[in-house]
Amino acid sequence: MQNVTLNVEGMSCGHCVNAVEKSVGALAGVEQVTVHLAEGSVDVAFDDAKVSLEQIKETIDDQGYDVK
């Protein structure tokens, strides 16, 4: 199990939080997703045998946010 904190730009409201948490949380292998709107960050706990960090970043990017 890996835990990472990603810096994400473009999140500004509750809809943003829901979009990121729902899309990333739906990935196989993702155990927990927590968006910190004020900090512009996303904490993700995931099984790297089932999903890659790159897939998680791409999923956030697909929602319209920039992962730094």
PDB file of N, CA and C in Angstrom:
ATOM      1  N   MET A   1       0.835  -1.183   0.000  1.00  0.00           N
ATOM      2  CA  MET A   1       0.000   0.000   0.000  1.00  0.00           C
ATOM      3  C   MET A   1       0.880   1.247   0.000  1.00  0.00           C
ATOM      4  N   GLN A   2       0.559   2.173  -0.861  1.00  0.00           N
ATOM      5  CA  GLN A   2       1.288   3.432  -0.923  1.00  0.00           C
ATOM      6  C   GLN A   2       0.369   4.588  -0.545  1.00  0.00           C
ATOM      7  N   ASN A   3       0.948   5.598   0.069  1.00  0.00           N
ATOM      8  CA  ASN A   3       0.224   6.828   0.377  1.00  0.00           C
ATOM      9  C   ASN A   3       0.989   7.973  -0.268  1.00  0.00           C
ATOM     10  N   VAL A   4       0.282   8.774  -1.077  1.00  0.00           N
ATOM     11  CA  VAL A   4       0.908   9.924  -1.723  1.00  0.00           C
ATOM     12  C   VAL A   4       0.030  11.152  -1.537  1.00  0.00           C
ATOM     13  N   THR A   5       0.675  12.307  -1.564  1.00  0.00           N
ATOM     14  CA  THR A   5      -0.038  13.575  -1.578  1.00  0.00           C
ATOM     15  C   THR A   5       0.323  14.267  -2.880  1.00  0.00           C
ATOM     16  N   LEU A   6      -0.696  14.562  -3.672  1.00  0.00           N
ATOM     17  CA  LEU A   6      -0.505  15.208  -4.963  1.00  0.00           C
ATOM     18  C   LEU A   6      -0.933  16.667  -4.874  1.00  0.00           C
ATOM     19  N   ASN A   7      -0.152  17.553  -5.451  1.00  0.00           N
ATOM     20  CA  ASN A   7      -0.548  18.956  -5.557  1.00  0.00           C
ATOM     21  C   ASN A   7      -1.377  19.099  -6.816  1.00  0.00           C
ATOM     22  N   VAL A   8      -2.609  19.614  -6.644  1.00  0.00           N
ATOM     23  CA  VAL A   8      -3.544  19.709  -7.761  1.00  0.00           C
ATOM     24  C   VAL A   8      -4.041  21.139  -7.874  1.00  0.00           C
ATOM     25  N   GLU A   9      -3.907  21.715  -9.077  1.00  0.00           N
ATOM     26  CA  GLU A   9      -4.365  23.074  -9.317  1.00  0.00           C
ATOM     27  C   GLU A   9      -5.703  23.063 -10.043  1.00  0.00           C
ATOM     28  N   GLY A  10      -6.529  24.059  -9.746  1.00  0.00           N
ATOM     29  CA  GLY A  10      -7.802  24.220 -10.445  1.00  0.00           C
ATOM     30  C   GLY A  10      -9.013  23.819  -9.635  1.00  0.00           C
ATOM     31  N   MET A  11      -8.822  23.236  -8.468  1.00  0.00           N
ATOM     32  CA  MET A  11      -9.960  22.862  -7.624  1.00  0.00           C
ATOM     33  C   MET A  11     -10.384  24.085  -6.811  1.00  0.00           C
ATOM     34  N   SER A  12     -11.686  24.401  -6.865  1.00  0.00           N
ATOM     35  CA  SER A  12     -12.123  25.621  -6.187  1.00  0.00           C
ATOM     36  C   SER A  12     -13.426  25.492  -5.407  1.00  0.00           C
ATOM     37  N   CYS A  13     -14.097  24.339  -5.503  1.00  0.00           N
ATOM     38  CA  CYS A  13     -15.416  24.248  -4.853  1.00  0.00           C
ATOM     39  C   CYS A  13     -15.732  22.795  -4.484  1.00  0.00           C
ATOM     40  N   GLY A  14     -16.883  22.625  -3.875  1.00  0.00           N
ATOM     41  CA  GLY A  14     -17.328  21.295  -3.477  1.00  0.00           C
ATOM     42  C   GLY A  14     -17.511  20.357  -4.654  1.00  0.00           C
ATOM     43  N   HIS A  15     -17.930  20.892  -5.791  1.00  0.00           N
ATOM     44  CA  HIS A  15     -18.076  20.052  -6.980  1.00  0.00           C
ATOM     45  C   HIS A  15     -16.726  19.471  -7.383  1.00  0.00           C
ATOM     46  N   CYS A  16     -15.681  20.291  -7.277  1.00  0.00           N
ATOM     47  CA  CYS A  16     -14.329  19.832  -7.606  1.00  0.00           C
ATOM     48  C   CYS A  16     -13.925  18.671  -6.692  1.00  0.00           C
ATOM     49  N   VAL A  17     -14.190  18.843  -5.418  1.00  0.00           N
ATOM     50  CA  VAL A  17     -13.870  17.801  -4.438  1.00  0.00           C
ATOM     51  C   VAL A  17     -14.584  16.505  -4.797  1.00  0.00           C
ATOM     52  N   ASN A  18     -15.886  16.597  -5.059  1.00  0.00           N
ATOM     53  CA  ASN A  18     -16.660  15.401  -5.395  1.00  0.00           C
ATOM     54  C   ASN A  18     -16.174  14.749  -6.676  1.00  0.00           C
ATOM     55  N   ALA A  19     -15.849  15.549  -7.686  1.00  0.00           N
ATOM     56  CA  ALA A  19     -15.402  14.998  -8.969  1.00  0.00           C
ATOM     57  C   ALA A  19     -14.111  14.208  -8.804  1.00  0.00           C
ATOM     58  N   VAL A  20     -13.160  14.775  -8.070  1.00  0.00           N
ATOM     59  CA  VAL A  20     -11.873  14.102  -7.885  1.00  0.00           C
ATOM     60  C   VAL A  20     -12.035  12.865  -7.004  1.00  0.00           C
ATOM     61  N   GLU A  21     -12.727  13.012  -5.870  1.00  0.00           N
ATOM     62  CA  GLU A  21     -12.876  11.868  -4.961  1.00  0.00           C
ATOM     63  C   GLU A  21     -13.634  10.726  -5.617  1.00  0.00           C
ATOM     64  N   LYS A  22     -14.672  11.043  -6.382  1.00  0.00           N
ATOM     65  CA  LYS A  22     -15.471   9.987  -7.019  1.00  0.00           C
ATOM     66  C   LYS A  22     -14.690   9.292  -8.133  1.00  0.00           C
ATOM     67  N   SER A  23     -14.021  10.066  -8.993  1.00  0.00           N
ATOM     68  CA  SER A  23     -13.325   9.459 -10.132  1.00  0.00           C
ATOM     69  C   SER A  23     -12.110   8.654  -9.684  1.00  0.00           C
ATOM     70  N   VAL A  24     -11.314   9.198  -8.782  1.00  0.00           N
ATOM     71  CA  VAL A  24     -10.133   8.473  -8.304  1.00  0.00           C
ATOM     72  C   VAL A  24     -10.558   7.291  -7.437  1.00  0.00           C
ATOM     73  N   GLY A  25     -11.561   7.490  -6.605  1.00  0.00           N
ATOM     74  CA  GLY A  25     -12.046   6.418  -5.734  1.00  0.00           C
ATOM     75  C   GLY A  25     -12.608   5.228  -6.497  1.00  0.00           C
ATOM     76  N   ALA A  26     -13.027   5.463  -7.746  1.00  0.00           N
ATOM     77  CA  ALA A  26     -13.589   4.378  -8.558  1.00  0.00           C
ATOM     78  C   ALA A  26     -12.523   3.482  -9.173  1.00  0.00           C
ATOM     79  N   LEU A  27     -11.271   3.913  -9.132  1.00  0.00           N
ATOM     80  CA  LEU A  27     -10.194   3.099  -9.700  1.00  0.00           C
ATOM     81  C   LEU A  27      -9.936   1.866  -8.839  1.00  0.00           C
ATOM     82  N   ALA A  28      -9.759   0.726  -9.498  1.00  0.00           N
ATOM     83  CA  ALA A  28      -9.438  -0.507  -8.770  1.00  0.00           C
ATOM     84  C   ALA A  28      -8.097  -0.326  -8.081  1.00  0.00           C
ATOM     85  N   GLY A  29      -8.048  -0.651  -6.800  1.00  0.00           N
ATOM     86  CA  GLY A  29      -6.807  -0.555  -6.045  1.00  0.00           C
ATOM     87  C   GLY A  29      -6.703   0.689  -5.189  1.00  0.00           C
ATOM     88  N   VAL A  30      -7.584   1.671  -5.421  1.00  0.00           N
ATOM     89  CA  VAL A  30      -7.568   2.881  -4.598  1.00  0.00           C
ATOM     90  C   VAL A  30      -8.384   2.625  -3.341  1.00  0.00           C
ATOM     91  N   GLU A  31      -7.743   2.788  -2.188  1.00  0.00           N
ATOM     92  CA  GLU A  31      -8.398   2.520  -0.910  1.00  0.00           C
ATOM     93  C   GLU A  31      -9.051   3.772  -0.319  1.00  0.00           C
ATOM     94  N   GLN A  32      -8.383   4.918  -0.471  1.00  0.00           N
ATOM     95  CA  GLN A  32      -8.894   6.143   0.142  1.00  0.00           C
ATOM     96  C   GLN A  32      -8.430   7.355  -0.651  1.00  0.00           C
ATOM     97  N   VAL A  33      -9.337   8.340  -0.796  1.00  0.00           N
ATOM     98  CA  VAL A  33      -9.022   9.599  -1.462  1.00  0.00           C
ATOM     99  C   VAL A  33      -9.541  10.720  -0.586  1.00  0.00           C
ATOM    100  N   THR A  34      -8.688  11.676  -0.267  1.00  0.00           N
ATOM    101  CA  THR A  34      -9.099  12.829   0.521  1.00  0.00           C
ATOM    102  C   THR A  34      -8.589  14.096  -0.162  1.00  0.00           C
ATOM    103  N   VAL A  35      -9.528  14.975  -0.529  1.00  0.00           N
ATOM    104  CA  VAL A  35      -9.169  16.242  -1.155  1.00  0.00           C
ATOM    105  C   VAL A  35      -9.095  17.312  -0.070  1.00  0.00           C
ATOM    106  N   HIS A  36      -8.024  18.081  -0.100  1.00  0.00           N
ATOM    107  CA  HIS A  36      -7.851  19.225   0.803  1.00  0.00           C
ATOM    108  C   HIS A  36      -7.938  20.471  -0.067  1.00  0.00           C
ATOM    109  N   LEU A  37      -9.141  21.017  -0.165  1.00  0.00           N
ATOM    110  CA  LEU A  37      -9.401  22.114  -1.084  1.00  0.00           C
ATOM    111  C   LEU A  37      -8.546  23.337  -0.785  1.00  0.00           C
ATOM    112  N   ALA A  38      -8.459  23.737   0.490  1.00  0.00           N
ATOM    113  CA  ALA A  38      -7.708  24.939   0.862  1.00  0.00           C
ATOM    114  C   ALA A  38      -6.219  24.812   0.533  1.00  0.00           C
ATOM    115  N   GLU A  39      -5.679  23.591   0.645  1.00  0.00           N
ATOM    116  CA  GLU A  39      -4.262  23.368   0.380  1.00  0.00           C
ATOM    117  C   GLU A  39      -3.995  23.044  -1.095  1.00  0.00           C
ATOM    118  N   GLY A  40      -5.039  22.724  -1.838  1.00  0.00           N
ATOM    119  CA  GLY A  40      -4.851  22.328  -3.226  1.00  0.00           C
ATOM    120  C   GLY A  40      -4.133  21.003  -3.348  1.00  0.00           C
ATOM    121  N   SER A  41      -4.492  20.069  -2.465  1.00  0.00           N
ATOM    122  CA  SER A  41      -3.817  18.770  -2.493  1.00  0.00           C
ATOM    123  C   SER A  41      -4.820  17.626  -2.386  1.00  0.00           C
ATOM    124  N   VAL A  42      -4.356  16.458  -2.800  1.00  0.00           N
ATOM    125  CA  VAL A  42      -5.160  15.239  -2.752  1.00  0.00           C
ATOM    126  C   VAL A  42      -4.301  14.140  -2.146  1.00  0.00           C
ATOM    127  N   ASP A  43      -4.786  13.533  -1.061  1.00  0.00           N
ATOM    128  CA  ASP A  43      -4.125  12.377  -0.458  1.00  0.00           C
ATOM    129  C   ASP A  43      -4.756  11.114  -1.038  1.00  0.00           C
ATOM    130  N   VAL A  44      -3.927  10.188  -1.476  1.00  0.00           N
ATOM    131  CA  VAL A  44      -4.428   8.940  -2.059  1.00  0.00           C
ATOM    132  C   VAL A  44      -3.687   7.766  -1.432  1.00  0.00           C
ATOM    133  N   ALA A  45      -4.444   6.792  -0.952  1.00  0.00           N
ATOM    134  CA  ALA A  45      -3.896   5.525  -0.473  1.00  0.00           C
ATOM    135  C   ALA A  45      -4.296   4.467  -1.501  1.00  0.00           C
ATOM    136  N   PHE A  46      -3.285   3.770  -2.057  1.00  0.00           N
ATOM    137  CA  PHE A  46      -3.592   2.830  -3.128  1.00  0.00           C
ATOM    138  C   PHE A  46      -2.636   1.645  -3.129  1.00  0.00           C
ATOM    139  N   ASP A  47      -3.100   0.574  -3.764  1.00  0.00           N
ATOM    140  CA  ASP A  47      -2.306  -0.646  -3.937  1.00  0.00           C
ATOM    141  C   ASP A  47      -1.611  -0.538  -5.296  1.00  0.00           C
ATOM    142  N   ASP A  48      -0.293  -0.337  -5.280  1.00  0.00           N
ATOM    143  CA  ASP A  48       0.421  -0.123  -6.538  1.00  0.00           C
ATOM    144  C   ASP A  48       0.534  -1.385  -7.392  1.00  0.00           C
ATOM    145  N   ALA A  49       0.061  -2.498  -6.883  1.00  0.00           N
ATOM    146  CA  ALA A  49      -0.002  -3.705  -7.707  1.00  0.00           C
ATOM    147  C   ALA A  49      -1.260  -3.703  -8.579  1.00  0.00           C
ATOM    148  N   LYS A  50      -2.224  -2.853  -8.228  1.00  0.00           N
ATOM    149  CA  LYS A  50      -3.495  -2.808  -8.963  1.00  0.00           C
ATOM    150  C   LYS A  50      -3.672  -1.537  -9.784  1.00  0.00           C
ATOM    151  N   VAL A  51      -3.067  -0.441  -9.346  1.00  0.00           N
ATOM    152  CA  VAL A  51      -3.209   0.834 -10.048  1.00  0.00           C
ATOM    153  C   VAL A  51      -1.902   1.619  -9.899  1.00  0.00           C
ATOM    154  N   SER A  52      -1.514   2.308 -10.959  1.00  0.00           N
ATOM    155  CA  SER A  52      -0.265   3.063 -10.903  1.00  0.00           C
ATOM    156  C   SER A  52      -0.531   4.516 -10.516  1.00  0.00           C
ATOM    157  N   LEU A  53       0.495   5.152 -10.014  1.00  0.00           N
ATOM    158  CA  LEU A  53       0.392   6.575  -9.697  1.00  0.00           C
ATOM    159  C   LEU A  53       0.068   7.364 -10.953  1.00  0.00           C
ATOM    160  N   GLU A  54       0.620   6.936 -12.075  1.00  0.00           N
ATOM    161  CA  GLU A  54       0.359   7.621 -13.345  1.00  0.00           C
ATOM    162  C   GLU A  54      -1.123   7.541 -13.725  1.00  0.00           C
ATOM    163  N   GLN A  55      -1.760   6.389 -13.489  1.00  0.00           N
ATOM    164  CA  GLN A  55      -3.193   6.252 -13.770  1.00  0.00           C
ATOM    165  C   GLN A  55      -4.007   7.195 -12.888  1.00  0.00           C
ATOM    166  N   ILE A  56      -3.608   7.341 -11.644  1.00  0.00           N
ATOM    167  CA  ILE A  56      -4.308   8.241 -10.731  1.00  0.00           C
ATOM    168  C   ILE A  56      -4.174   9.678 -11.215  1.00  0.00           C
ATOM    169  N   LYS A  57      -2.960  10.067 -11.594  1.00  0.00           N
ATOM    170  CA  LYS A  57      -2.732  11.419 -12.096  1.00  0.00           C
ATOM    171  C   LYS A  57      -3.544  11.681 -13.360  1.00  0.00           C
ATOM    172  N   GLU A  58      -3.587  10.700 -14.263  1.00  0.00           N
ATOM    173  CA  GLU A  58      -4.352  10.852 -15.504  1.00  0.00           C
ATOM    174  C   GLU A  58      -5.842  10.999 -15.217  1.00  0.00           C
ATOM    175  N   THR A  59      -6.337  10.288 -14.221  1.00  0.00           N
ATOM    176  CA  THR A  59      -7.753  10.378 -13.867  1.00  0.00           C
ATOM    177  C   THR A  59      -8.091  11.774 -13.351  1.00  0.00           C
ATOM    178  N   ILE A  60      -7.213  12.334 -12.533  1.00  0.00           N
ATOM    179  CA  ILE A  60      -7.424  13.696 -12.040  1.00  0.00           C
ATOM    180  C   ILE A  60      -7.357  14.684 -13.205  1.00  0.00           C
ATOM    181  N   ASP A  61      -6.385  14.491 -14.086  1.00  0.00           N
ATOM    182  CA  ASP A  61      -6.237  15.348 -15.260  1.00  0.00           C
ATOM    183  C   ASP A  61      -7.484  15.276 -16.141  1.00  0.00           C
ATOM    184  N   ASP A  62      -8.056  14.088 -16.292  1.00  0.00           N
ATOM    185  CA  ASP A  62      -9.258  13.909 -17.111  1.00  0.00           C
ATOM    186  C   ASP A  62     -10.455  14.668 -16.545  1.00  0.00           C
ATOM    187  N   GLN A  63     -10.423  14.967 -15.251  1.00  0.00           N
ATOM    188  CA  GLN A  63     -11.506  15.732 -14.628  1.00  0.00           C
ATOM    189  C   GLN A  63     -11.306  17.245 -14.837  1.00  0.00           C
ATOM    190  N   GLY A  64     -10.181  17.626 -15.442  1.00  0.00           N
ATOM    191  CA  GLY A  64      -9.935  19.034 -15.760  1.00  0.00           C
ATOM    192  C   GLY A  64      -9.037  19.758 -14.798  1.00  0.00           C
ATOM    193  N   TYR A  65      -8.287  19.019 -13.973  1.00  0.00           N
ATOM    194  CA  TYR A  65      -7.405  19.637 -12.985  1.00  0.00           C
ATOM    195  C   TYR A  65      -5.952  19.288 -13.314  1.00  0.00           C
ATOM    196  N   ASP A  66      -5.047  20.163 -12.915  1.00  0.00           N
ATOM    197  CA  ASP A  66      -3.633  19.978 -13.217  1.00  0.00           C
ATOM    198  C   ASP A  66      -2.893  19.407 -12.019  1.00  0.00           C
ATOM    199  N   VAL A  67      -2.281  18.241 -12.205  1.00  0.00           N
ATOM    200  CA  VAL A  67      -1.472  17.621 -11.164  1.00  0.00           C
ATOM    201  C   VAL A  67      -0.051  18.122 -11.331  1.00  0.00           C
ATOM    202  N   LYS A  68       0.509  18.681 -10.264  1.00  0.00           N
ATOM    203  CA  LYS A  68       1.872  19.235 -10.318  1.00  0.00           C
ATOM    204  C   LYS A  68       2.845  18.328  -9.613  1.00  0.00           C
TER     205      LYS A  68
END
